[in-house]
Amino acid sequence: MLRLLSLLQTRRYWPGPELAAKLGVSERTLRRDIDRLRELGYPVDAERGVGGGYQLRSGTAMPPLLLDDEEAVAIAVGLRSAAAGAVGAGVGETSVRALAKVIQVMPPRLRRRVQALQDYTEPGTGGAGPAVDAEALTVLAQCCRDGERLRFAYRARDGRQSARTVEPHRLVALDRRWYLVAWDLERLDWRVFRVDRLGDPLPAGERFRPRPIPGGDAAAFVCRRLAAAPSRHRVVVDVQAPAARVQRALGVWGRVEATGEHSCRLEMNTDSLDWPVMILAMLGADFHVVRPPELLERLRATAAALTRSLERPAGGG
């Protein structure tokens, strides 16, 4: 029964024969188990006839998940907050999947309470990353899960607006940002969309057959696209530190090539020089800036500001 319930929560709709085969039972046994779930309070719709199937829908009350209304609302609000702002903590993608399951069975009266709490609550501190609508994340996750085409408005990095229709495949959480990997039906190519630039996502009501993502790894695909994106500065620095150590500090935002046992070359594209300044300061190793000269100027200015602060008398204005 738990396996059946779990499967019903992973997809919007299951054809009866496919669901029975997945469970390794007959269709008659499946129908009996569905009836037992209904008796327990789980709202399962059935579509009869050839090609019929089952769907777990929102009910008039929460099914027996061992949660009361207050607990259900608290969980949903917590998951929405985690999905929208705690990507860097490593729980973002899990939060979206869990949120999609909770919202799927939550009655409208509780959804309204969750929305009210979200609308009238302000975070006390910032710095987590661009604001992302958790409801939009839920829509994207469900369309990826169900293989359903998606429409949305998109604002490019230069500010241009466009309407997109895509086949969404995967959400990727990377360095406090959300990215959607999708096949663009107008451009007939794979695209990576920043979710904080995406507006009014709506299911298009059309199913699609999933395509293999280039390379097979959605996160690696996003990293490659971001590394190849045009940027203001091409940074190249020779660092007197092992390549593995520098790569850990740099993360996915650049490339490191070993030039010796204890030396390497760091390369990255960036719109802001603040990031490479921070990385080099964190490393605490000797380095030589190959390019651009603006980075050398920024490092000198930063060093001068820090020196002035250290030389200022304690308690001085």
C-alpha atoms as a PDB file:
ATOM      1  CA  MET A   1       0.000   0.000   0.000  1.00  0.00           C
ATOM      2  CA  LEU A   2       2.832   2.398   0.795  1.00  0.00           C
ATOM      3  CA  ARG A   3       4.505   1.539  -2.515  1.00  0.00           C
ATOM      4  CA  LEU A   4       1.247   2.230  -4.376  1.00  0.00           C
ATOM      5  CA  LEU A   5       0.777   5.550  -2.594  1.00  0.00           C
ATOM      6  CA  SER A   6       4.364   6.556  -3.323  1.00  0.00           C
ATOM      7  CA  LEU A   7       3.946   5.796  -7.033  1.00  0.00           C
ATOM      8  CA  LEU A   8       0.712   7.802  -7.201  1.00  0.00           C
ATOM      9  CA  GLN A   9       2.587  10.784  -5.772  1.00  0.00           C
ATOM     10  CA  THR A  10       5.434  10.612  -8.293  1.00  0.00           C
ATOM     11  CA  ARG A  11       3.291  11.159 -11.404  1.00  0.00           C
ATOM     12  CA  ARG A  12       0.119  13.057 -12.157  1.00  0.00           C
ATOM     13  CA  TYR A  13      -1.521  10.113 -13.960  1.00  0.00           C
ATOM     14  CA  TRP A  14      -0.818   6.375 -14.116  1.00  0.00           C
ATOM     15  CA  PRO A  15      -2.406   4.093 -16.771  1.00  0.00           C
ATOM     16  CA  GLY A  16      -3.889   1.103 -14.951  1.00  0.00           C
ATOM     17  CA  PRO A  17      -1.918  -1.661 -16.734  1.00  0.00           C
ATOM     18  CA  GLU A  18       1.359   0.238 -16.308  1.00  0.00           C
ATOM     19  CA  LEU A  19       0.764   0.831 -12.607  1.00  0.00           C
ATOM     20  CA  ALA A  20      -0.179  -2.821 -12.026  1.00  0.00           C
ATOM     21  CA  ALA A  21       2.957  -3.967 -13.856  1.00  0.00           C
ATOM     22  CA  LYS A  22       5.099  -1.573 -11.811  1.00  0.00           C
ATOM     23  CA  LEU A  23       3.725  -3.101  -8.608  1.00  0.00           C
ATOM     24  CA  GLY A  24       3.874  -6.680  -9.914  1.00  0.00           C
ATOM     25  CA  VAL A  25       0.189  -7.341  -9.239  1.00  0.00           C
ATOM     26  CA  SER A  26      -2.916  -8.032 -11.337  1.00  0.00           C
ATOM     27  CA  GLU A  27      -5.234  -5.209 -12.348  1.00  0.00           C
ATOM     28  CA  ARG A  28      -7.918  -6.744 -10.143  1.00  0.00           C
ATOM     29  CA  THR A  29      -5.600  -6.581  -7.120  1.00  0.00           C
ATOM     30  CA  LEU A  30      -4.714  -3.002  -8.052  1.00  0.00           C
ATOM     31  CA  ARG A  31      -8.396  -2.012  -8.076  1.00  0.00           C
ATOM     32  CA  ARG A  32      -8.854  -3.568  -4.630  1.00  0.00           C
ATOM     33  CA  ASP A  33      -5.822  -1.683  -3.279  1.00  0.00           C
ATOM     34  CA  ILE A  34      -7.106   1.595  -4.755  1.00  0.00           C
ATOM     35  CA  ASP A  35     -10.411   1.018  -2.942  1.00  0.00           C
ATOM     36  CA  ARG A  36      -8.516   0.478   0.311  1.00  0.00           C
ATOM     37  CA  LEU A  37      -6.632   3.753  -0.167  1.00  0.00           C
ATOM     38  CA  ARG A  38      -9.947   5.552  -0.650  1.00  0.00           C
ATOM     39  CA  GLU A  39     -11.293   3.999   2.548  1.00  0.00           C
ATOM     40  CA  LEU A  40      -8.264   5.437   4.348  1.00  0.00           C
ATOM     41  CA  GLY A  41      -9.108   8.898   3.015  1.00  0.00           C
ATOM     42  CA  TYR A  42      -6.744   9.232   0.039  1.00  0.00           C
ATOM     43  CA  PRO A  43      -8.586  10.903  -2.886  1.00  0.00           C
ATOM     44  CA  VAL A  44      -7.831   8.686  -5.907  1.00  0.00           C
ATOM     45  CA  ASP A  45      -9.690   9.302  -9.176  1.00  0.00           C
ATOM     46  CA  ALA A  46     -10.187   6.411 -11.613  1.00  0.00           C
ATOM     47  CA  GLU A  47     -10.747   6.612 -15.356  1.00  0.00           C
ATOM     48  CA  ARG A  48     -12.524   3.546 -16.679  1.00  0.00           C
ATOM     49  CA  GLY A  49     -12.301   1.844 -20.058  1.00  0.00           C
ATOM     50  CA  VAL A  50      -9.428   1.035 -22.397  1.00  0.00           C
ATOM     51  CA  GLY A  51      -6.403   3.122 -21.482  1.00  0.00           C
ATOM     52  CA  GLY A  52      -7.963   4.077 -18.143  1.00  0.00           C
ATOM     53  CA  GLY A  53      -5.896   4.803 -15.096  1.00  0.00           C
ATOM     54  CA  TYR A  54      -5.563   6.468 -11.714  1.00  0.00           C
ATOM     55  CA  GLN A  55      -4.732   9.897 -10.380  1.00  0.00           C
ATOM     56  CA  LEU A  56      -4.166  11.200  -6.856  1.00  0.00           C
ATOM     57  CA  ARG A  57      -5.968  14.526  -6.558  1.00  0.00           C
ATOM     58  CA  SER A  58      -6.531  17.251  -3.997  1.00  0.00           C
ATOM     59  CA  GLY A  59      -9.260  16.350  -1.541  1.00  0.00           C
ATOM     60  CA  THR A  60     -11.655  18.166   0.750  1.00  0.00           C
ATOM     61  CA  ALA A  61      -9.452  17.225   3.706  1.00  0.00           C
ATOM     62  CA  MET A  62      -5.882  16.152   4.254  1.00  0.00           C
ATOM     63  CA  PRO A  63      -5.472  12.375   3.905  1.00  0.00           C
ATOM     64  CA  PRO A  64      -4.162  10.562   6.996  1.00  0.00           C
ATOM     65  CA  LEU A  65      -0.514  11.571   6.812  1.00  0.00           C
ATOM     66  CA  LEU A  66      -0.324  11.791  10.615  1.00  0.00           C
ATOM     67  CA  LEU A  67      -0.357  15.591  10.274  1.00  0.00           C
ATOM     68  CA  ASP A  68      -2.929  18.045  11.542  1.00  0.00           C
ATOM     69  CA  ASP A  69      -3.793  21.237   9.642  1.00  0.00           C
ATOM     70  CA  GLU A  70      -1.293  23.367  11.547  1.00  0.00           C
ATOM     71  CA  GLU A  71       1.516  20.883  10.931  1.00  0.00           C
ATOM     72  CA  ALA A  72       0.664  20.613   7.226  1.00  0.00           C
ATOM     73  CA  VAL A  73       0.718  24.406   6.820  1.00  0.00           C
ATOM     74  CA  ALA A  74       4.001  24.665   8.742  1.00  0.00           C
ATOM     75  CA  ILE A  75       5.615  22.008   6.554  1.00  0.00           C
ATOM     76  CA  ALA A  76       4.445  23.646   3.318  1.00  0.00           C
ATOM     77  CA  VAL A  77       5.660  27.107   4.391  1.00  0.00           C
ATOM     78  CA  GLY A  78       8.999  25.678   5.475  1.00  0.00           C
ATOM     79  CA  LEU A  79       9.438  23.811   2.208  1.00  0.00           C
ATOM     80  CA  ARG A  80       8.551  26.894   0.150  1.00  0.00           C
ATOM     81  CA  SER A  81      11.061  28.991   2.070  1.00  0.00           C
ATOM     82  CA  ALA A  82      13.758  26.335   1.645  1.00  0.00           C
ATOM     83  CA  ALA A  83      13.041  25.984  -2.066  1.00  0.00           C
ATOM     84  CA  ALA A  84      13.101  29.730  -2.688  1.00  0.00           C
ATOM     85  CA  GLY A  85      16.059  30.741  -0.563  1.00  0.00           C
ATOM     86  CA  ALA A  86      18.114  27.869   0.860  1.00  0.00           C
ATOM     87  CA  VAL A  87      19.517  26.419  -2.347  1.00  0.00           C
ATOM     88  CA  GLY A  88      23.060  26.868  -1.092  1.00  0.00           C
ATOM     89  CA  ALA A  89      22.316  24.634   1.883  1.00  0.00           C
ATOM     90  CA  GLY A  90      21.913  21.629  -0.403  1.00  0.00           C
ATOM     91  CA  VAL A  91      18.217  21.098   0.331  1.00  0.00           C
ATOM     92  CA  GLY A  92      16.635  23.088  -2.498  1.00  0.00           C
ATOM     93  CA  GLU A  93      15.894  20.290  -4.953  1.00  0.00           C
ATOM     94  CA  THR A  94      14.639  17.967  -2.212  1.00  0.00           C
ATOM     95  CA  SER A  95      12.388  20.760  -0.922  1.00  0.00           C
ATOM     96  CA  VAL A  96      10.801  21.247  -4.342  1.00  0.00           C
ATOM     97  CA  ARG A  97      10.062  17.531  -4.722  1.00  0.00           C
ATOM     98  CA  ALA A  98       8.575  17.345  -1.231  1.00  0.00           C
ATOM     99  CA  LEU A  99       6.587  20.551  -1.770  1.00  0.00           C
ATOM    100  CA  ALA A 100       5.080  19.148  -4.974  1.00  0.00           C
ATOM    101  CA  LYS A 101       3.841  16.091  -3.060  1.00  0.00           C
ATOM    102  CA  VAL A 102       2.388  18.106  -0.176  1.00  0.00           C
ATOM    103  CA  ILE A 103       0.622  20.627  -2.428  1.00  0.00           C
ATOM    104  CA  GLN A 104      -0.826  17.800  -4.544  1.00  0.00           C
ATOM    105  CA  VAL A 105      -2.942  16.487  -1.677  1.00  0.00           C
ATOM    106  CA  MET A 106      -3.515  19.731   0.230  1.00  0.00           C
ATOM    107  CA  PRO A 107      -7.121  21.020   0.187  1.00  0.00           C
ATOM    108  CA  PRO A 108      -7.746  24.582  -1.093  1.00  0.00           C
ATOM    109  CA  ARG A 109      -8.461  26.024   2.360  1.00  0.00           C
ATOM    110  CA  LEU A 110      -4.965  25.061   3.540  1.00  0.00           C
ATOM    111  CA  ARG A 111      -3.353  26.251   0.313  1.00  0.00           C
ATOM    112  CA  ARG A 112      -4.872  29.691   0.937  1.00  0.00           C
ATOM    113  CA  ARG A 113      -3.362  29.771   4.425  1.00  0.00           C
ATOM    114  CA  VAL A 114       0.051  28.839   3.071  1.00  0.00           C
ATOM    115  CA  GLN A 115      -0.180  31.564   0.426  1.00  0.00           C
ATOM    116  CA  ALA A 116      -1.238  34.179   2.984  1.00  0.00           C
ATOM    117  CA  LEU A 117       1.694  33.342   5.239  1.00  0.00           C
ATOM    118  CA  GLN A 118       4.067  33.516   2.266  1.00  0.00           C
ATOM    119  CA  ASP A 119       2.678  36.832   0.989  1.00  0.00           C
ATOM    120  CA  TYR A 120       2.832  38.616   4.331  1.00  0.00           C
ATOM    121  CA  THR A 121       6.133  37.361   5.689  1.00  0.00           C
ATOM    122  CA  GLU A 122       9.405  39.213   5.090  1.00  0.00           C
ATOM    123  CA  PRO A 123      12.837  37.563   5.513  1.00  0.00           C
ATOM    124  CA  GLY A 124      15.002  39.185   8.164  1.00  0.00           C
ATOM    125  CA  THR A 125      18.273  38.921   6.224  1.00  0.00           C
ATOM    126  CA  GLY A 126      19.252  38.719   2.602  1.00  0.00           C
ATOM    127  CA  GLY A 127      22.197  37.407   0.675  1.00  0.00           C
ATOM    128  CA  ALA A 128      20.830  33.981  -0.155  1.00  0.00           C
ATOM    129  CA  GLY A 129      20.477  34.646  -3.880  1.00  0.00           C
ATOM    130  CA  PRO A 130      17.850  35.956  -6.305  1.00  0.00           C
ATOM    131  CA  ALA A 131      14.273  35.708  -5.075  1.00  0.00           C
ATOM    132  CA  VAL A 132      12.424  32.750  -6.590  1.00  0.00           C
ATOM    133  CA  ASP A 133       8.688  32.094  -6.451  1.00  0.00           C
ATOM    134  CA  ALA A 134       8.265  28.703  -4.771  1.00  0.00           C
ATOM    135  CA  GLU A 135       4.881  28.243  -6.447  1.00  0.00           C
ATOM    136  CA  ALA A 136       6.579  28.653  -9.836  1.00  0.00           C
ATOM    137  CA  LEU A 137       9.207  26.117  -8.788  1.00  0.00           C
ATOM    138  CA  THR A 138       6.431  23.679  -7.924  1.00  0.00           C
ATOM    139  CA  VAL A 139       4.819  24.127 -11.363  1.00  0.00           C
ATOM    140  CA  LEU A 140       8.177  23.563 -13.073  1.00  0.00           C
ATOM    141  CA  ALA A 141       8.910  20.457 -10.989  1.00  0.00           C
ATOM    142  CA  GLN A 142       5.496  18.966 -11.727  1.00  0.00           C
ATOM    143  CA  CYS A 143       5.841  19.578 -15.486  1.00  0.00           C
ATOM    144  CA  CYS A 144       9.303  17.969 -15.447  1.00  0.00           C
ATOM    145  CA  ARG A 145       7.881  15.030 -13.517  1.00  0.00           C
ATOM    146  CA  ASP A 146       4.793  14.578 -15.721  1.00  0.00           C
ATOM    147  CA  GLY A 147       6.495  15.179 -19.086  1.00  0.00           C
ATOM    148  CA  GLU A 148       4.173  18.121 -19.812  1.00  0.00           C
ATOM    149  CA  ARG A 149       5.037  21.073 -22.032  1.00  0.00           C
ATOM    150  CA  LEU A 150       5.363  24.457 -20.375  1.00  0.00           C
ATOM    151  CA  ARG A 151       4.734  28.098 -21.335  1.00  0.00           C
ATOM    152  CA  PHE A 152       6.256  31.111 -19.598  1.00  0.00           C
ATOM    153  CA  ALA A 153       7.517  34.658 -20.067  1.00  0.00           C
ATOM    154  CA  TYR A 154      11.293  35.069 -19.955  1.00  0.00           C
ATOM    155  CA  ARG A 155      13.564  38.064 -19.418  1.00  0.00           C
ATOM    156  CA  ALA A 156      17.028  37.658 -20.961  1.00  0.00           C
ATOM    157  CA  ARG A 157      20.169  39.075 -19.357  1.00  0.00           C
ATOM    158  CA  ASP A 158      19.949  42.142 -21.651  1.00  0.00           C
ATOM    159  CA  GLY A 159      16.379  42.813 -20.481  1.00  0.00           C
ATOM    160  CA  ARG A 160      14.570  41.588 -23.596  1.00  0.00           C
ATOM    161  CA  GLN A 161      11.258  39.842 -22.952  1.00  0.00           C
ATOM    162  CA  SER A 162      10.027  36.802 -24.854  1.00  0.00           C
ATOM    163  CA  ALA A 163       7.354  34.124 -24.632  1.00  0.00           C
ATOM    164  CA  ARG A 164       8.689  30.563 -24.512  1.00  0.00           C
ATOM    165  CA  THR A 165       7.175  27.128 -25.004  1.00  0.00           C
ATOM    166  CA  VAL A 166       9.464  24.328 -23.886  1.00  0.00           C
ATOM    167  CA  GLU A 167       9.721  20.688 -22.926  1.00  0.00           C
ATOM    168  CA  PRO A 168      11.067  20.909 -19.344  1.00  0.00           C
ATOM    169  CA  HIS A 169      13.417  18.137 -18.293  1.00  0.00           C
ATOM    170  CA  ARG A 170      15.223  19.057 -15.089  1.00  0.00           C
ATOM    171  CA  LEU A 171      15.603  21.711 -12.383  1.00  0.00           C
ATOM    172  CA  VAL A 172      19.181  22.326 -11.233  1.00  0.00           C
ATOM    173  CA  ALA A 173      20.159  24.176  -8.047  1.00  0.00           C
ATOM    174  CA  LEU A 174      23.591  25.738  -8.422  1.00  0.00           C
ATOM    175  CA  ASP A 175      25.336  28.318  -6.236  1.00  0.00           C
ATOM    176  CA  ARG A 176      22.128  29.821  -4.744  1.00  0.00           C
ATOM    177  CA  ARG A 177      20.364  29.965  -8.128  1.00  0.00           C
ATOM    178  CA  TRP A 178      17.773  27.768  -9.851  1.00  0.00           C
ATOM    179  CA  TYR A 179      18.101  26.774 -13.510  1.00  0.00           C
ATOM    180  CA  LEU A 180      15.629  24.975 -15.774  1.00  0.00           C
ATOM    181  CA  VAL A 181      17.056  22.660 -18.439  1.00  0.00           C
ATOM    182  CA  ALA A 182      14.554  22.418 -21.294  1.00  0.00           C
ATOM    183  CA  TRP A 183      14.147  21.750 -25.011  1.00  0.00           C
ATOM    184  CA  ASP A 184      13.017  25.016 -26.667  1.00  0.00           C
ATOM    185  CA  LEU A 185      10.296  24.207 -29.213  1.00  0.00           C
ATOM    186  CA  GLU A 186      10.817  27.401 -31.230  1.00  0.00           C
ATOM    187  CA  ARG A 187      14.616  27.317 -31.372  1.00  0.00           C
ATOM    188  CA  LEU A 188      14.730  23.506 -31.617  1.00  0.00           C
ATOM    189  CA  ASP A 189      17.656  23.321 -29.217  1.00  0.00           C
ATOM    190  CA  TRP A 190      18.495  22.810 -25.565  1.00  0.00           C
ATOM    191  CA  ARG A 191      18.343  25.904 -23.391  1.00  0.00           C
ATOM    192  CA  VAL A 192      19.149  26.801 -19.779  1.00  0.00           C
ATOM    193  CA  PHE A 193      16.749  29.286 -18.153  1.00  0.00           C
ATOM    194  CA  ARG A 194      17.339  31.128 -14.893  1.00  0.00           C
ATOM    195  CA  VAL A 195      14.185  30.587 -12.853  1.00  0.00           C
ATOM    196  CA  ASP A 196      14.337  34.039 -11.214  1.00  0.00           C
ATOM    197  CA  ARG A 197      13.970  35.547 -14.723  1.00  0.00           C
ATOM    198  CA  LEU A 198      11.006  33.356 -15.573  1.00  0.00           C
ATOM    199  CA  GLY A 199       7.417  34.531 -15.106  1.00  0.00           C
ATOM    200  CA  ASP A 200       3.903  33.060 -15.111  1.00  0.00           C
ATOM    201  CA  PRO A 201       4.783  29.418 -15.855  1.00  0.00           C
ATOM    202  CA  LEU A 202       1.730  27.452 -16.982  1.00  0.00           C
ATOM    203  CA  PRO A 203       1.365  23.827 -18.105  1.00  0.00           C
ATOM    204  CA  ALA A 204       0.514  23.716 -21.810  1.00  0.00           C
ATOM    205  CA  GLY A 205      -1.622  20.580 -21.468  1.00  0.00           C
ATOM    206  CA  GLU A 206       0.477  18.619 -23.977  1.00  0.00           C
ATOM    207  CA  ARG A 207       2.658  15.635 -23.125  1.00  0.00           C
ATOM    208  CA  PHE A 208       6.051  14.916 -24.671  1.00  0.00           C
ATOM    209  CA  ARG A 209       8.491  12.039 -24.876  1.00  0.00           C
ATOM    210  CA  PRO A 210      11.635  12.929 -22.853  1.00  0.00           C
ATOM    211  CA  ARG A 211      14.819  13.487 -24.861  1.00  0.00           C
ATOM    212  CA  PRO A 212      18.268  12.538 -23.555  1.00  0.00           C
ATOM    213  CA  ILE A 213      20.049  15.572 -22.102  1.00  0.00           C
ATOM    214  CA  PRO A 214      23.424  16.140 -23.840  1.00  0.00           C
ATOM    215  CA  GLY A 215      26.049  14.327 -21.802  1.00  0.00           C
ATOM    216  CA  GLY A 216      23.374  12.695 -19.649  1.00  0.00           C
ATOM    217  CA  ASP A 217      23.987  14.994 -16.653  1.00  0.00           C
ATOM    218  CA  ALA A 218      21.759  18.056 -16.245  1.00  0.00           C
ATOM    219  CA  ALA A 219      24.004  19.760 -13.666  1.00  0.00           C
ATOM    220  CA  ALA A 220      27.125  19.302 -15.817  1.00  0.00           C
ATOM    221  CA  PHE A 221      25.195  20.615 -18.828  1.00  0.00           C
ATOM    222  CA  VAL A 222      24.253  23.790 -16.923  1.00  0.00           C
ATOM    223  CA  CYS A 223      27.872  24.278 -15.823  1.00  0.00           C
ATOM    224  CA  ARG A 224      29.119  23.984 -19.408  1.00  0.00           C
ATOM    225  CA  ARG A 225      26.560  26.499 -20.666  1.00  0.00           C
ATOM    226  CA  LEU A 226      27.362  28.991 -17.923  1.00  0.00           C
ATOM    227  CA  ALA A 227      31.105  28.691 -18.538  1.00  0.00           C
ATOM    228  CA  ALA A 228      30.591  29.379 -22.257  1.00  0.00           C
ATOM    229  CA  ALA A 229      28.264  32.364 -21.717  1.00  0.00           C
ATOM    230  CA  PRO A 230      29.570  35.809 -22.789  1.00  0.00           C
ATOM    231  CA  SER A 231      30.860  37.938 -19.912  1.00  0.00           C
ATOM    232  CA  ARG A 232      32.653  41.216 -19.314  1.00  0.00           C
ATOM    233  CA  HIS A 233      35.927  39.752 -18.060  1.00  0.00           C
ATOM    234  CA  ARG A 234      38.078  36.805 -19.050  1.00  0.00           C
ATOM    235  CA  VAL A 235      40.204  36.075 -15.951  1.00  0.00           C
ATOM    236  CA  VAL A 236      43.478  34.134 -16.104  1.00  0.00           C
ATOM    237  CA  VAL A 237      45.661  33.798 -12.993  1.00  0.00           C
ATOM    238  CA  ASP A 238      48.686  31.612 -12.249  1.00  0.00           C
ATOM    239  CA  VAL A 239      48.439  30.365  -8.649  1.00  0.00           C
ATOM    240  CA  GLN A 240      51.115  28.761  -6.476  1.00  0.00           C
ATOM    241  CA  ALA A 241      48.809  26.126  -4.991  1.00  0.00           C
ATOM    242  CA  PRO A 242      47.734  22.585  -5.954  1.00  0.00           C
ATOM    243  CA  ALA A 243      45.081  22.447  -8.663  1.00  0.00           C
ATOM    244  CA  ALA A 244      42.671  20.378  -6.554  1.00  0.00           C
ATOM    245  CA  ARG A 245      42.691  22.947  -3.748  1.00  0.00           C
ATOM    246  CA  VAL A 246      42.049  25.839  -6.139  1.00  0.00           C
ATOM    247  CA  GLN A 247      39.265  23.948  -7.919  1.00  0.00           C
ATOM    248  CA  ARG A 248      37.484  23.313  -4.610  1.00  0.00           C
ATOM    249  CA  ALA A 249      37.524  27.032  -3.861  1.00  0.00           C
ATOM    250  CA  LEU A 250      36.431  27.971  -7.381  1.00  0.00           C
ATOM    251  CA  GLY A 251      33.639  25.419  -7.630  1.00  0.00           C
ATOM    252  CA  VAL A 252      31.800  25.186 -10.936  1.00  0.00           C
ATOM    253  CA  TRP A 253      32.485  28.764 -11.983  1.00  0.00           C
ATOM    254  CA  GLY A 254      35.779  28.217 -13.756  1.00  0.00           C
ATOM    255  CA  ARG A 255      38.467  25.832 -14.885  1.00  0.00           C
ATOM    256  CA  VAL A 256      41.761  24.950 -13.196  1.00  0.00           C
ATOM    257  CA  GLU A 257      44.681  23.275 -14.972  1.00  0.00           C
ATOM    258  CA  ALA A 258      47.699  21.957 -13.103  1.00  0.00           C
ATOM    259  CA  THR A 259      51.036  23.438 -14.219  1.00  0.00           C
ATOM    260  CA  GLY A 260      53.054  21.610 -11.567  1.00  0.00           C
ATOM    261  CA  GLU A 261      52.625  19.643  -8.367  1.00  0.00           C
ATOM    262  CA  HIS A 262      51.996  22.815  -6.380  1.00  0.00           C
ATOM    263  CA  SER A 263      50.955  25.270  -9.090  1.00  0.00           C
ATOM    264  CA  CYS A 264      48.100  25.747 -11.522  1.00  0.00           C
ATOM    265  CA  ARG A 265      46.358  28.170 -13.890  1.00  0.00           C
ATOM    266  CA  LEU A 266      42.892  29.445 -12.992  1.00  0.00           C
ATOM    267  CA  GLU A 267      40.557  30.584 -15.804  1.00  0.00           C
ATOM    268  CA  MET A 268      37.030  31.946 -15.512  1.00  0.00           C
ATOM    269  CA  ASN A 269      34.488  34.210 -17.212  1.00  0.00           C
ATOM    270  CA  THR A 270      32.774  36.733 -14.986  1.00  0.00           C
ATOM    271  CA  ASP A 271      30.760  39.938 -15.115  1.00  0.00           C
ATOM    272  CA  SER A 272      32.134  41.091 -11.763  1.00  0.00           C
ATOM    273  CA  LEU A 273      35.730  41.119 -10.516  1.00  0.00           C
ATOM    274  CA  ASP A 274      34.587  40.794  -6.898  1.00  0.00           C
ATOM    275  CA  TRP A 275      34.322  37.004  -7.224  1.00  0.00           C
ATOM    276  CA  PRO A 276      37.936  36.345  -8.362  1.00  0.00           C
ATOM    277  CA  VAL A 277      39.206  38.822  -5.725  1.00  0.00           C
ATOM    278  CA  MET A 278      37.401  36.828  -3.023  1.00  0.00           C
ATOM    279  CA  ILE A 279      38.681  33.488  -4.361  1.00  0.00           C
ATOM    280  CA  LEU A 280      42.305  34.655  -4.432  1.00  0.00           C
ATOM    281  CA  ALA A 281      41.996  36.092  -0.914  1.00  0.00           C
ATOM    282  CA  MET A 282      40.522  32.792   0.350  1.00  0.00           C
ATOM    283  CA  LEU A 283      43.380  30.763  -1.122  1.00  0.00           C
ATOM    284  CA  GLY A 284      46.103  32.634   0.771  1.00  0.00           C
ATOM    285  CA  ALA A 285      48.635  31.620  -1.892  1.00  0.00           C
ATOM    286  CA  ASP A 286      51.030  33.571  -4.111  1.00  0.00           C
ATOM    287  CA  PHE A 287      49.681  34.314  -7.585  1.00  0.00           C
ATOM    288  CA  HIS A 288      50.341  36.233 -10.788  1.00  0.00           C
ATOM    289  CA  VAL A 289      47.521  37.944 -12.720  1.00  0.00           C
ATOM    290  CA  VAL A 290      47.870  37.180 -16.431  1.00  0.00           C
ATOM    291  CA  ARG A 291      44.683  39.012 -17.426  1.00  0.00           C
ATOM    292  CA  PRO A 292      42.783  41.321 -17.269  1.00  0.00           C
ATOM    293  CA  PRO A 293      44.678  44.381 -15.988  1.00  0.00           C
ATOM    294  CA  GLU A 294      41.448  45.560 -14.322  1.00  0.00           C
ATOM    295  CA  LEU A 295      41.717  42.631 -11.907  1.00  0.00           C
ATOM    296  CA  LEU A 296      45.187  43.727 -10.820  1.00  0.00           C
ATOM    297  CA  GLU A 297      43.862  47.257 -10.203  1.00  0.00           C
ATOM    298  CA  ARG A 298      40.942  45.884  -8.161  1.00  0.00           C
ATOM    299  CA  LEU A 299      43.285  43.736  -6.061  1.00  0.00           C
ATOM    300  CA  ARG A 300      45.551  46.731  -5.339  1.00  0.00           C
ATOM    301  CA  ALA A 301      42.560  48.875  -4.351  1.00  0.00           C
ATOM    302  CA  THR A 302      41.243  46.125  -2.072  1.00  0.00           C
ATOM    303  CA  ALA A 303      44.652  45.604  -0.461  1.00  0.00           C
ATOM    304  CA  ALA A 304      45.045  49.354   0.111  1.00  0.00           C
ATOM    305  CA  ALA A 305      41.615  49.592   1.750  1.00  0.00           C
ATOM    306  CA  LEU A 306      42.387  46.670   4.057  1.00  0.00           C
ATOM    307  CA  THR A 307      45.778  48.147   4.962  1.00  0.00           C
ATOM    308  CA  ARG A 308      44.235  51.513   5.840  1.00  0.00           C
ATOM    309  CA  SER A 309      41.717  49.802   8.086  1.00  0.00           C
ATOM    310  CA  LEU A 310      44.417  47.832   9.880  1.00  0.00           C
ATOM    311  CA  GLU A 311      46.565  50.942  10.420  1.00  0.00           C
ATOM    312  CA  ARG A 312      43.655  52.999  11.789  1.00  0.00           C
ATOM    313  CA  PRO A 313      43.924  53.414  15.585  1.00  0.00           C
ATOM    314  CA  ALA A 314      41.497  51.357  17.628  1.00  0.00           C
ATOM    315  CA  GLY A 315      38.319  53.342  18.307  1.00  0.00           C
ATOM    316  CA  GLY A 316      39.209  55.904  15.661  1.00  0.00           C
ATOM    317  CA  GLY A 317      36.500  57.415  13.465  1.00  0.00           C
END
